[in-house]
């Protein structure tokens, strides 16, 4: 299963990651960030 979410800040992403790890303890999760470009 792949879950993808987009968050406005790193702390939002980490908060959701903590929730997933608490509620689905046997799964593996990671945070991956988009690399900003010069136009953003």
C-alpha atoms as a PDB file:
ATOM      1  CA  UNK A   1       0.000   0.000   0.000  1.00  0.00           C
ATOM      2  CA  UNK A   2       1.241   3.483  -0.801  1.00  0.00           C
ATOM      3  CA  UNK A   3      -0.133   6.543   0.948  1.00  0.00           C
ATOM      4  CA  UNK A   4       0.722   9.951  -0.444  1.00  0.00           C
ATOM      5  CA  UNK A   5      -0.005  13.240   1.258  1.00  0.00           C
ATOM      6  CA  UNK A   6       1.070  16.792   0.592  1.00  0.00           C
ATOM      7  CA  UNK A   7       1.575  19.100   3.552  1.00  0.00           C
ATOM      8  CA  UNK A   8       2.337  22.779   3.916  1.00  0.00           C
ATOM      9  CA  UNK A   9       5.138  22.299   6.436  1.00  0.00           C
ATOM     10  CA  UNK A  10       7.519  19.655   7.707  1.00  0.00           C
ATOM     11  CA  UNK A  11       5.854  19.704  11.127  1.00  0.00           C
ATOM     12  CA  UNK A  12       2.461  18.936   9.532  1.00  0.00           C
ATOM     13  CA  UNK A  13       3.999  15.982   7.686  1.00  0.00           C
ATOM     14  CA  UNK A  14       5.700  14.703  10.838  1.00  0.00           C
ATOM     15  CA  UNK A  15       2.449  15.014  12.811  1.00  0.00           C
ATOM     16  CA  UNK A  16       0.628  12.880  10.260  1.00  0.00           C
ATOM     17  CA  UNK A  17       3.518  10.401  10.230  1.00  0.00           C
ATOM     18  CA  UNK A  18       3.236  10.030  14.022  1.00  0.00           C
ATOM     19  CA  UNK A  19      -0.510   9.416  13.678  1.00  0.00           C
ATOM     20  CA  UNK A  20       0.033   6.690  11.053  1.00  0.00           C
ATOM     21  CA  UNK A  21       2.769   5.017  13.110  1.00  0.00           C
ATOM     22  CA  UNK A  22       0.523   4.985  16.191  1.00  0.00           C
ATOM     23  CA  UNK A  23      -2.527   3.620  14.347  1.00  0.00           C
ATOM     24  CA  UNK A  24      -0.792   1.204  11.966  1.00  0.00           C
ATOM     25  CA  UNK A  25       2.227   0.034  13.996  1.00  0.00           C
ATOM     26  CA  UNK A  26       3.184  -2.920  11.772  1.00  0.00           C
ATOM     27  CA  UNK A  27       3.625  -0.836   8.601  1.00  0.00           C
ATOM     28  CA  UNK A  28       6.596   1.223   7.462  1.00  0.00           C
ATOM     29  CA  UNK A  29       6.244   4.898   6.610  1.00  0.00           C
ATOM     30  CA  UNK A  30       8.591   7.609   5.445  1.00  0.00           C
ATOM     31  CA  UNK A  31       8.487  11.276   4.537  1.00  0.00           C
ATOM     32  CA  UNK A  32       9.789  12.393   1.153  1.00  0.00           C
ATOM     33  CA  UNK A  33      10.044  16.058   0.202  1.00  0.00           C
ATOM     34  CA  UNK A  34       9.727  17.720  -3.195  1.00  0.00           C
ATOM     35  CA  UNK A  35      12.834  19.650  -4.121  1.00  0.00           C
ATOM     36  CA  UNK A  36      11.910  23.296  -4.615  1.00  0.00           C
ATOM     37  CA  UNK A  37      12.688  24.830  -7.975  1.00  0.00           C
ATOM     38  CA  UNK A  38      13.611  28.426  -8.711  1.00  0.00           C
ATOM     39  CA  UNK A  39      10.054  29.220  -9.841  1.00  0.00           C
ATOM     40  CA  UNK A  40       8.399  28.294  -6.523  1.00  0.00           C
END
